[in-house]
N, C-alpha and C. Protein backbone atom coordinates (compact mmCIF):
# COMPACT_ATOMS: atom_id res chain seq x y z
N MET A 1 88.79 108.09 83.63
CA MET A 1 88.87 107.25 84.38
C MET A 1 90.47 106.22 83.93
N LEU A 2 90.76 106.22 82.49
CA LEU A 2 91.54 105.46 81.77
C LEU A 2 93.13 105.91 82.08
N GLY A 3 92.95 107.91 82.31
CA GLY A 3 93.89 108.21 82.64
C GLY A 3 94.85 108.12 83.73
N ARG A 4 92.98 107.99 84.95
CA ARG A 4 93.62 107.80 86.76
C ARG A 4 94.49 106.50 86.55
N ASN A 5 94.07 105.66 85.94
CA ASN A 5 95.14 104.09 85.72
C ASN A 5 95.86 103.63 85.43
N LEU A 6 96.24 104.79 84.16
CA LEU A 6 97.35 104.54 83.63
C LEU A 6 98.48 105.17 84.39
N ARG A 7 97.81 106.50 84.98
CA ARG A 7 99.15 107.22 85.48
C ARG A 7 99.30 106.70 86.56
N SER A 8 98.29 105.65 87.81
CA SER A 8 98.55 105.38 88.96
C SER A 8 99.77 104.01 88.07
N GLU A 9 99.39 103.52 87.40
CA GLU A 9 100.29 102.33 86.50
C GLU A 9 102.18 102.69 86.49
N ILE A 10 102.18 104.46 86.31
CA ILE A 10 103.56 104.49 85.61
C ILE A 10 104.39 104.95 86.84
N VAL A 11 103.91 106.20 87.59
CA VAL A 11 103.92 106.28 89.07
C VAL A 11 104.12 105.15 90.14
N MET A 12 105.39 104.80 90.52
CA MET A 12 105.73 103.79 91.77
C MET A 12 106.51 104.55 92.77
N GLY A 13 105.45 104.83 93.77
CA GLY A 13 105.68 105.49 94.91
C GLY A 13 106.14 105.05 95.83
N VAL A 14 106.43 105.37 97.15
CA VAL A 14 106.46 104.45 98.41
C VAL A 14 105.59 104.97 99.39
N ARG A 15 105.45 104.53 100.69
CA ARG A 15 104.98 104.79 102.21
C ARG A 15 106.52 105.63 102.41
N ARG A 16 107.61 104.70 102.48
CA ARG A 16 108.55 105.00 103.48
C ARG A 16 109.54 105.03 102.31
N PRO A 17 109.78 105.87 102.52
CA PRO A 17 111.31 106.38 101.40
C PRO A 17 112.51 106.28 102.41
N GLU A 18 111.95 106.94 103.38
CA GLU A 18 113.58 106.73 104.26
C GLU A 18 113.63 104.99 104.53
N LEU A 19 112.82 104.00 104.60
CA LEU A 19 113.24 102.71 104.43
C LEU A 19 114.12 101.92 102.88
N VAL A 20 114.07 102.96 102.27
CA VAL A 20 114.27 102.47 100.85
C VAL A 20 115.42 102.62 100.86
N LEU A 21 115.70 104.55 101.11
CA LEU A 21 116.85 104.91 101.25
C LEU A 21 117.91 104.48 102.20
N ALA A 22 117.80 104.01 103.37
CA ALA A 22 118.46 102.40 104.09
C ALA A 22 118.85 101.21 103.49
N ALA A 23 117.86 100.94 103.25
CA ALA A 23 118.85 99.71 102.35
C ALA A 23 118.95 99.87 100.97
N ALA A 24 119.40 101.31 100.44
CA ALA A 24 120.34 101.66 98.93
C ALA A 24 121.18 101.48 99.96
N ILE A 25 121.33 102.35 101.01
CA ILE A 25 122.60 102.21 101.90
C ILE A 25 123.37 100.91 102.61
N ALA A 26 122.86 100.07 102.81
CA ALA A 26 122.84 98.87 103.44
C ALA A 26 123.42 97.90 102.22
N VAL A 27 122.62 98.00 100.87
CA VAL A 27 123.44 97.57 99.74
C VAL A 27 124.30 97.93 99.20
N SER A 28 124.97 99.41 99.02
CA SER A 28 126.08 99.89 98.80
C SER A 28 127.26 99.68 100.35
N LEU A 29 127.13 99.73 100.81
CA LEU A 29 128.39 99.94 101.90
C LEU A 29 129.04 98.64 101.90
N PRO A 30 129.15 97.56 101.51
CA PRO A 30 130.80 96.90 101.06
C PRO A 30 130.90 97.48 100.03
N MET A 31 130.67 98.16 99.43
CA MET A 31 131.48 99.57 98.17
C MET A 31 132.00 100.44 99.31
N LEU A 32 132.07 100.11 100.31
CA LEU A 32 132.78 101.51 100.74
C LEU A 32 134.85 101.62 101.40
N LEU A 33 134.28 100.35 101.50
CA LEU A 33 136.17 100.69 101.41
C LEU A 33 136.71 100.21 100.35
N SER A 34 136.16 99.55 99.51
CA SER A 34 136.77 99.38 98.17
C SER A 34 136.68 102.18 97.44
N PHE A 35 135.77 102.64 98.25
CA PHE A 35 135.94 104.05 97.83
C PHE A 35 137.11 104.66 98.10
N MET A 36 136.54 103.77 99.62
CA MET A 36 138.04 104.41 100.95
C MET A 36 138.99 104.97 100.44
N SER A 37 139.87 103.03 99.46
CA SER A 37 141.08 102.57 99.51
C SER A 37 141.96 103.51 98.46
N GLY A 38 140.79 104.28 97.60
CA GLY A 38 140.82 104.39 96.10
C GLY A 38 140.58 103.25 95.03
N ALA A 39 140.13 102.31 95.38
CA ALA A 39 140.13 101.05 93.76
C ALA A 39 138.77 102.24 93.09
N ILE A 40 137.90 102.71 93.69
CA ILE A 40 136.38 102.56 92.74
C ILE A 40 136.02 104.75 93.03
N SER A 41 136.61 105.11 92.36
CA SER A 41 136.22 106.70 92.23
C SER A 41 135.03 107.31 92.57
N ALA A 42 134.91 108.71 93.10
CA ALA A 42 133.31 109.36 93.26
C ALA A 42 132.66 109.44 92.00
N PRO A 43 132.33 109.33 91.37
CA PRO A 43 131.25 109.04 90.19
C PRO A 43 131.37 107.94 90.29
N ALA A 44 132.13 107.09 89.87
CA ALA A 44 131.42 105.37 89.90
C ALA A 44 130.77 104.83 91.15
N ALA A 45 131.44 105.65 92.45
CA ALA A 45 130.31 105.30 93.27
C ALA A 45 129.32 105.99 93.61
N LEU A 46 128.74 106.76 93.26
CA LEU A 46 127.73 107.61 92.98
C LEU A 46 126.66 107.02 92.04
N LEU A 47 127.59 106.73 90.58
CA LEU A 47 126.73 106.01 89.46
C LEU A 47 125.74 104.63 90.54
N ARG A 48 126.81 103.69 91.26
CA ARG A 48 126.37 102.41 91.68
C ARG A 48 125.75 102.93 92.88
N PHE A 49 125.41 103.92 93.09
CA PHE A 49 124.58 104.14 94.36
C PHE A 49 123.13 104.41 94.04
N ALA A 50 122.77 105.09 93.17
CA ALA A 50 122.16 105.13 92.44
C ALA A 50 121.06 104.52 91.51
N ILE A 51 122.07 102.95 91.09
CA ILE A 51 121.98 102.37 90.87
C ILE A 51 121.09 101.30 91.63
N ALA A 52 121.83 101.40 92.74
CA ALA A 52 121.54 100.86 93.95
C ALA A 52 119.52 102.13 94.17
N LEU A 53 119.96 102.38 94.68
CA LEU A 53 118.74 103.46 95.25
C LEU A 53 117.67 103.20 93.71
N ALA A 54 117.95 103.24 92.64
CA ALA A 54 116.75 102.86 91.58
C ALA A 54 116.22 101.59 91.71
N LEU A 55 117.04 100.40 91.75
CA LEU A 55 116.06 99.13 92.48
C LEU A 55 116.05 98.50 93.65
N CYS A 56 116.10 99.49 94.92
CA CYS A 56 115.64 99.32 96.11
C CYS A 56 114.06 99.91 96.12
N TRP A 57 114.24 101.31 95.01
CA TRP A 57 112.91 101.38 94.97
C TRP A 57 111.41 100.97 94.17
N ALA A 58 112.19 100.31 93.58
CA ALA A 58 111.56 99.85 92.27
C ALA A 58 110.97 98.44 93.16
N LEU A 59 112.14 97.68 93.73
CA LEU A 59 111.61 96.34 94.99
C LEU A 59 110.55 97.11 96.00
N GLY A 60 111.21 98.15 96.07
CA GLY A 60 110.27 99.01 97.66
C GLY A 60 108.69 98.52 96.46
N ALA A 61 108.54 99.67 96.43
CA ALA A 61 106.97 99.55 94.93
C ALA A 61 106.67 98.82 94.64
N ALA A 62 107.12 97.59 94.06
CA ALA A 62 106.53 95.82 94.12
C ALA A 62 105.91 95.03 95.25
N ILE A 63 106.53 95.42 96.34
CA ILE A 63 106.85 94.48 97.80
C ILE A 63 104.78 95.33 98.14
N GLU A 64 105.21 97.03 97.64
CA GLU A 64 103.77 97.59 98.31
C GLU A 64 102.43 97.18 97.30
N ARG A 65 103.00 97.42 96.91
CA ARG A 65 101.90 96.62 95.39
C ARG A 65 101.05 95.27 95.92
N VAL A 66 102.27 94.58 95.80
CA VAL A 66 101.24 93.54 96.30
C VAL A 66 100.76 93.12 97.86
N TYR A 67 101.63 94.19 98.46
CA TYR A 67 100.68 94.44 99.78
C TYR A 67 99.21 94.63 99.96
N ASP A 68 99.77 95.95 99.56
CA ASP A 68 98.33 96.44 99.07
C ASP A 68 96.94 95.47 98.48
N ALA A 69 97.56 95.00 97.62
CA ALA A 69 96.68 93.91 96.98
C ALA A 69 95.88 93.20 97.89
N TYR A 70 96.58 92.76 98.92
CA TYR A 70 95.99 91.30 99.89
C TYR A 70 95.21 92.31 101.01
N ALA A 71 96.02 93.31 100.96
CA ALA A 71 95.29 94.09 102.05
C ALA A 71 93.64 94.73 101.37
N ARG A 72 93.56 95.35 100.01
CA ARG A 72 92.26 95.39 99.75
C ARG A 72 91.50 94.34 99.36
N GLN A 73 91.97 93.27 99.08
CA GLN A 73 90.86 91.51 99.32
C GLN A 73 90.81 90.98 100.40
N ALA A 74 91.57 91.53 101.70
CA ALA A 74 90.90 91.43 102.97
C ALA A 74 90.45 91.99 103.02
N ARG A 75 89.95 93.27 102.79
CA ARG A 75 88.75 94.84 103.19
C ARG A 75 87.67 94.12 102.66
N SER A 76 87.72 94.03 101.36
CA SER A 76 86.68 94.12 100.82
C SER A 76 85.76 92.15 101.52
N ALA A 77 86.43 91.24 101.77
CA ALA A 77 86.29 90.02 102.33
C ALA A 77 85.16 90.41 103.74
N ALA A 78 85.64 91.21 104.34
CA ALA A 78 85.34 91.30 105.85
C ALA A 78 84.20 92.05 106.02
N ILE A 79 84.23 93.20 105.13
CA ILE A 79 83.27 94.09 104.39
C ILE A 79 81.70 93.13 103.83
N ARG A 80 82.00 92.23 103.30
CA ARG A 80 81.04 91.30 102.94
C ARG A 80 80.67 90.16 103.85
N LYS A 81 81.45 90.21 104.85
CA LYS A 81 80.89 89.48 105.41
C LYS A 81 80.01 90.63 106.77
N GLN A 82 80.48 91.68 107.26
CA GLN A 82 80.06 92.51 107.62
C GLN A 82 78.59 92.52 107.18
N LEU A 83 78.33 92.70 105.94
CA LEU A 83 76.85 92.40 105.01
C LEU A 83 76.25 91.49 105.51
N GLU A 84 76.83 90.44 105.04
CA GLU A 84 75.83 88.90 105.26
C GLU A 84 75.56 89.29 106.47
N GLU A 85 76.22 89.10 107.32
CA GLU A 85 75.28 89.46 109.02
C GLU A 85 75.04 90.40 109.24
N ALA A 86 74.62 91.35 108.65
CA ALA A 86 74.23 92.01 109.24
C ALA A 86 72.59 92.50 108.07
N ARG A 87 72.43 91.15 107.25
CA ARG A 87 71.24 91.00 106.40
C ARG A 87 71.02 89.71 107.20
N ARG A 88 71.28 88.82 107.45
CA ARG A 88 70.93 87.68 108.53
C ARG A 88 70.05 88.04 109.53
N GLN A 89 71.09 89.64 110.09
CA GLN A 89 69.85 89.84 111.53
C GLN A 89 69.01 90.50 111.14
N HIS A 90 68.96 91.51 110.06
CA HIS A 90 67.42 92.27 109.68
C HIS A 90 66.69 91.13 109.34
N GLY A 91 66.84 90.33 108.42
CA GLY A 91 66.57 89.41 107.90
C GLY A 91 65.22 88.93 107.85
N GLY A 92 66.08 88.43 109.72
CA GLY A 92 65.25 87.90 110.77
C GLY A 92 63.95 88.12 111.46
N GLU A 93 64.23 89.21 111.42
CA GLU A 93 63.00 90.63 112.68
C GLU A 93 61.98 90.07 111.55
């Protein structure tokens, strides 16, 4: 179990990689004019895009973790509420 938890801490996946890619492209768009004019070389542009992609991926994974934590708490609270209500109904019979 410890190995599984450690692995889940290391892997930073996202459910919607297309949104991460779109965000990286949007972040990199201002660089396009400099690249087209020749002020930025192709390897430098690719490196900047790779950095933007990595940052967007990390940010997406972090947002997803926070969202999942709140969703898990909300599901847990809803289940507890349903259990308490069922106990009340069956306890009164």
